[in-house]
């Protein structure tokens, strides 16, 4: 039973952590360190929870190729950030008042 419910449980916890991070960051009006704490440390926990679910599922799907599939998943995770960063930069520059 734990094998079938663990990814869903982890995904729901990740959502809660991310929502909690945004809630706490709303109190950072004059405190830059608080914003860094909320989006850095607490955001890292949420990111870790979202990262472990697909990697663990893929390792269960391909037990004989654990290293290869973990490398592909980590590479895809990094490639997503590589693609998203320039897109976000372009949108920010375009939409700035």
N, C-alpha and C. Protein backbone atom coordinates (compact mmCIF):
# COMPACT_ATOMS: atom_id res chain seq x y z
N UNK A 1 0.82 -1.19 0.00
CA UNK A 1 0.00 0.00 0.00
C UNK A 1 0.87 1.26 0.00
N UNK A 2 1.99 1.23 0.73
CA UNK A 2 2.85 2.41 0.79
C UNK A 2 3.45 2.72 -0.57
N UNK A 3 3.71 1.69 -1.37
CA UNK A 3 4.29 1.92 -2.68
C UNK A 3 3.31 2.64 -3.61
N UNK A 4 2.04 2.36 -3.48
CA UNK A 4 1.07 2.98 -4.38
C UNK A 4 0.66 4.38 -3.93
N UNK A 5 0.72 4.68 -2.65
CA UNK A 5 0.29 5.99 -2.16
C UNK A 5 1.43 6.97 -1.91
N UNK A 6 2.68 6.50 -1.87
CA UNK A 6 3.78 7.38 -1.53
C UNK A 6 3.98 8.54 -2.49
N UNK A 7 3.96 8.34 -3.83
CA UNK A 7 4.12 9.50 -4.73
C UNK A 7 3.02 10.53 -4.57
N UNK A 8 1.79 10.10 -4.39
CA UNK A 8 0.69 11.03 -4.20
C UNK A 8 0.84 11.79 -2.90
N UNK A 9 1.23 11.12 -1.86
CA UNK A 9 1.44 11.75 -0.55
C UNK A 9 2.55 12.80 -0.65
N UNK A 10 3.63 12.45 -1.33
CA UNK A 10 4.75 13.37 -1.48
C UNK A 10 4.34 14.58 -2.32
N UNK A 11 3.57 14.35 -3.37
CA UNK A 11 3.11 15.45 -4.22
C UNK A 11 2.22 16.41 -3.43
N UNK A 12 1.33 15.87 -2.63
CA UNK A 12 0.45 16.73 -1.83
C UNK A 12 1.22 17.51 -0.78
N UNK A 13 2.23 16.89 -0.18
CA UNK A 13 3.07 17.62 0.78
C UNK A 13 3.84 18.73 0.09
N UNK A 14 4.30 18.47 -1.13
CA UNK A 14 5.04 19.49 -1.88
C UNK A 14 4.15 20.70 -2.13
N UNK A 15 2.91 20.45 -2.50
CA UNK A 15 1.98 21.56 -2.73
C UNK A 15 1.79 22.37 -1.46
N UNK A 16 1.66 21.71 -0.35
CA UNK A 16 1.50 22.41 0.92
C UNK A 16 2.73 23.23 1.29
N UNK A 17 3.91 22.67 1.05
CA UNK A 17 5.15 23.40 1.36
C UNK A 17 5.27 24.64 0.49
N UNK A 18 4.96 24.51 -0.78
CA UNK A 18 5.07 25.66 -1.68
C UNK A 18 4.05 26.74 -1.31
N UNK A 19 2.85 26.34 -0.97
CA UNK A 19 1.84 27.32 -0.56
C UNK A 19 2.25 27.99 0.75
N UNK A 20 2.80 27.23 1.67
CA UNK A 20 3.27 27.78 2.94
C UNK A 20 4.41 28.77 2.71
N UNK A 21 5.29 28.45 1.75
CA UNK A 21 6.40 29.35 1.43
C UNK A 21 5.88 30.69 0.92
N UNK A 22 4.91 30.65 0.03
CA UNK A 22 4.35 31.89 -0.51
C UNK A 22 3.65 32.69 0.59
N UNK A 23 2.95 31.99 1.48
CA UNK A 23 2.28 32.67 2.60
C UNK A 23 3.30 33.35 3.50
N UNK A 24 4.38 32.66 3.84
CA UNK A 24 5.40 33.26 4.68
C UNK A 24 6.12 34.40 3.98
N UNK A 25 6.34 34.28 2.68
CA UNK A 25 7.03 35.33 1.94
C UNK A 25 6.20 36.61 1.88
N UNK A 26 4.91 36.50 2.06
CA UNK A 26 4.07 37.69 2.02
C UNK A 26 4.35 38.62 3.20
N UNK A 27 5.03 38.13 4.24
CA UNK A 27 5.37 38.95 5.39
C UNK A 27 6.74 39.61 5.27
N UNK A 28 7.35 39.58 4.10
CA UNK A 28 8.72 40.06 3.94
C UNK A 28 8.78 41.47 3.36
N UNK A 29 7.92 42.35 3.80
CA UNK A 29 7.85 43.69 3.22
C UNK A 29 9.17 44.44 3.31
N UNK A 30 9.79 44.49 4.47
CA UNK A 30 11.04 45.23 4.65
C UNK A 30 12.19 44.34 5.07
N UNK A 31 12.03 43.04 4.94
CA UNK A 31 13.07 42.11 5.39
C UNK A 31 13.49 41.22 4.22
N UNK A 32 14.59 41.56 3.58
CA UNK A 32 15.07 40.79 2.44
C UNK A 32 15.53 39.41 2.87
N UNK A 33 16.11 39.28 4.05
CA UNK A 33 16.56 37.97 4.53
C UNK A 33 15.40 37.00 4.69
N UNK A 34 14.23 37.52 5.06
CA UNK A 34 13.05 36.67 5.22
C UNK A 34 12.59 36.14 3.86
N UNK A 35 12.65 36.99 2.84
CA UNK A 35 12.30 36.56 1.49
C UNK A 35 13.28 35.49 1.00
N UNK A 36 14.57 35.69 1.25
CA UNK A 36 15.57 34.69 0.88
C UNK A 36 15.33 33.38 1.61
N UNK A 37 14.98 33.46 2.88
CA UNK A 37 14.71 32.24 3.64
C UNK A 37 13.51 31.50 3.08
N UNK A 38 12.44 32.23 2.81
CA UNK A 38 11.21 31.60 2.33
C UNK A 38 11.39 30.97 0.95
N UNK A 39 11.99 31.71 0.04
CA UNK A 39 12.12 31.20 -1.31
C UNK A 39 13.35 30.33 -1.50
N UNK A 40 14.35 30.47 -0.64
CA UNK A 40 15.55 29.65 -0.76
C UNK A 40 15.43 28.34 -0.01
N UNK A 41 15.35 28.42 1.28
CA UNK A 41 15.35 27.21 2.10
C UNK A 41 14.04 26.42 1.99
N UNK A 42 12.94 27.10 2.22
CA UNK A 42 11.65 26.40 2.18
C UNK A 42 11.32 26.00 0.75
N UNK A 43 11.68 26.84 -0.22
CA UNK A 43 11.48 26.47 -1.62
C UNK A 43 12.31 25.27 -2.02
N UNK A 44 13.51 25.15 -1.45
CA UNK A 44 14.34 23.98 -1.72
C UNK A 44 13.72 22.69 -1.20
N UNK A 45 13.06 22.78 -0.07
CA UNK A 45 12.36 21.60 0.45
C UNK A 45 11.24 21.19 -0.50
N UNK A 46 10.46 22.16 -0.96
CA UNK A 46 9.39 21.85 -1.91
C UNK A 46 9.92 21.32 -3.22
N UNK A 47 11.03 21.87 -3.69
CA UNK A 47 11.64 21.40 -4.93
C UNK A 47 12.17 19.98 -4.77
N UNK A 48 12.74 19.69 -3.62
CA UNK A 48 13.21 18.34 -3.37
C UNK A 48 12.08 17.33 -3.34
N UNK A 49 10.96 17.72 -2.78
CA UNK A 49 9.81 16.82 -2.77
C UNK A 49 9.26 16.60 -4.17
N UNK A 50 9.33 17.61 -5.02
CA UNK A 50 8.82 17.43 -6.38
C UNK A 50 9.83 16.68 -7.25
N UNK A 51 11.09 16.69 -6.88
CA UNK A 51 12.14 16.03 -7.64
C UNK A 51 12.17 14.53 -7.37
N UNK A 52 11.93 14.13 -6.14
CA UNK A 52 12.10 12.74 -5.76
C UNK A 52 11.00 11.84 -6.32
N UNK A 53 9.81 12.36 -6.55
CA UNK A 53 8.70 11.53 -7.02
C UNK A 53 8.97 10.94 -8.40
N UNK A 54 9.29 11.74 -9.44
CA UNK A 54 9.52 11.12 -10.74
C UNK A 54 10.76 10.23 -10.76
N UNK A 55 11.79 10.58 -10.01
CA UNK A 55 13.00 9.75 -10.00
C UNK A 55 12.70 8.39 -9.36
N UNK A 56 11.99 8.38 -8.26
CA UNK A 56 11.68 7.10 -7.61
C UNK A 56 10.76 6.24 -8.45
N UNK A 57 9.81 6.86 -9.13
CA UNK A 57 8.90 6.10 -10.00
C UNK A 57 9.67 5.52 -11.18
N UNK A 58 10.55 6.31 -11.78
CA UNK A 58 11.33 5.82 -12.91
C UNK A 58 12.27 4.68 -12.51
N UNK A 59 12.84 4.76 -11.32
CA UNK A 59 13.71 3.68 -10.85
C UNK A 59 12.91 2.40 -10.67
N UNK A 60 11.67 2.51 -10.23
CA UNK A 60 10.82 1.32 -10.09
C UNK A 60 10.42 0.77 -11.46
N UNK A 61 10.23 1.63 -12.44
CA UNK A 61 9.86 1.18 -13.78
C UNK A 61 11.01 0.50 -14.51
N UNK A 62 12.23 0.98 -14.27
CA UNK A 62 13.41 0.45 -14.95
C UNK A 62 14.44 -0.01 -13.91
N UNK A 63 14.18 -1.13 -13.22
CA UNK A 63 15.09 -1.55 -12.15
C UNK A 63 16.46 -2.01 -12.66
N UNK A 64 16.53 -2.49 -13.89
CA UNK A 64 17.81 -2.96 -14.41
C UNK A 64 18.68 -1.82 -14.96
N UNK A 65 18.12 -0.65 -15.16
CA UNK A 65 18.84 0.52 -15.69
C UNK A 65 18.71 1.72 -14.74
N UNK A 66 18.98 1.50 -13.47
CA UNK A 66 18.77 2.55 -12.47
C UNK A 66 19.63 3.78 -12.73
N UNK A 67 20.91 3.57 -13.01
CA UNK A 67 21.82 4.69 -13.22
C UNK A 67 21.47 5.49 -14.46
N UNK A 68 21.14 4.79 -15.55
CA UNK A 68 20.79 5.47 -16.79
C UNK A 68 19.53 6.30 -16.63
N UNK A 69 18.51 5.72 -16.05
CA UNK A 69 17.23 6.43 -15.94
C UNK A 69 17.32 7.58 -14.94
N UNK A 70 18.13 7.41 -13.90
CA UNK A 70 18.32 8.53 -12.96
C UNK A 70 19.05 9.68 -13.65
N UNK A 71 20.05 9.35 -14.46
CA UNK A 71 20.77 10.38 -15.21
C UNK A 71 19.89 11.11 -16.20
N UNK A 72 19.03 10.38 -16.88
CA UNK A 72 18.10 11.01 -17.83
C UNK A 72 17.12 11.92 -17.09
N UNK A 73 16.62 11.46 -15.95
CA UNK A 73 15.68 12.28 -15.17
C UNK A 73 16.34 13.54 -14.64
N UNK A 74 17.57 13.41 -14.14
CA UNK A 74 18.28 14.58 -13.63
C UNK A 74 18.62 15.54 -14.77
N UNK A 75 19.01 14.98 -15.92
CA UNK A 75 19.28 15.82 -17.09
C UNK A 75 18.04 16.55 -17.58
N UNK A 76 16.90 15.87 -17.55
CA UNK A 76 15.64 16.53 -17.93
C UNK A 76 15.25 17.62 -16.95
N UNK A 77 15.52 17.38 -15.69
CA UNK A 77 15.23 18.38 -14.66
C UNK A 77 16.07 19.63 -14.89
N UNK A 78 17.36 19.43 -15.19
CA UNK A 78 18.23 20.56 -15.48
C UNK A 78 17.91 21.24 -16.80
N UNK A 79 17.52 20.46 -17.81
CA UNK A 79 17.17 21.04 -19.10
C UNK A 79 15.91 21.91 -18.99
N UNK A 80 15.00 21.52 -18.11
CA UNK A 80 13.82 22.36 -17.90
C UNK A 80 14.18 23.73 -17.35
N UNK A 81 15.11 23.75 -16.43
CA UNK A 81 15.58 25.03 -15.88
C UNK A 81 16.35 25.81 -16.93
N UNK A 82 17.11 25.11 -17.77
CA UNK A 82 17.88 25.76 -18.82
C UNK A 82 16.97 26.43 -19.83
N UNK A 83 15.85 25.84 -20.11
CA UNK A 83 14.90 26.41 -21.08
C UNK A 83 14.05 27.50 -20.42
N UNK A 84 13.65 27.28 -19.18
CA UNK A 84 12.75 28.20 -18.52
C UNK A 84 13.42 29.54 -18.18
N UNK A 85 14.69 29.52 -17.84
CA UNK A 85 15.38 30.76 -17.43
C UNK A 85 15.39 31.82 -18.53
N UNK A 86 15.79 31.52 -19.77
CA UNK A 86 15.76 32.56 -20.80
C UNK A 86 14.34 33.02 -21.14
N UNK A 87 13.40 32.10 -21.09
CA UNK A 87 12.00 32.48 -21.36
C UNK A 87 11.51 33.44 -20.28
N UNK A 88 11.79 33.14 -19.03
CA UNK A 88 11.37 34.02 -17.94
C UNK A 88 12.06 35.37 -18.03
N UNK A 89 13.34 35.38 -18.39
CA UNK A 89 14.06 36.65 -18.54
C UNK A 89 13.45 37.50 -19.64
N UNK A 90 13.14 36.87 -20.76
CA UNK A 90 12.51 37.61 -21.86
C UNK A 90 11.14 38.15 -21.50
N UNK A 91 10.35 37.36 -20.79
CA UNK A 91 9.03 37.83 -20.37
C UNK A 91 9.13 38.98 -19.38
N UNK A 92 10.08 38.90 -18.45
CA UNK A 92 10.25 39.97 -17.48
C UNK A 92 10.66 41.27 -18.19
N UNK A 93 11.59 41.18 -19.13
CA UNK A 93 12.03 42.37 -19.85
C UNK A 93 10.92 42.95 -20.72
N UNK A 94 10.09 42.09 -21.27
CA UNK A 94 9.00 42.56 -22.13
C UNK A 94 7.87 43.17 -21.33
N UNK A 95 7.60 42.64 -20.16
CA UNK A 95 6.43 43.08 -19.40
C UNK A 95 6.74 44.13 -18.32
N UNK A 96 8.00 44.57 -18.23
CA UNK A 96 8.35 45.59 -17.26
C UNK A 96 7.75 46.93 -17.69
N UNK A 97 7.25 47.68 -16.76
CA UNK A 97 6.57 48.93 -17.07
C UNK A 97 7.54 49.96 -17.55
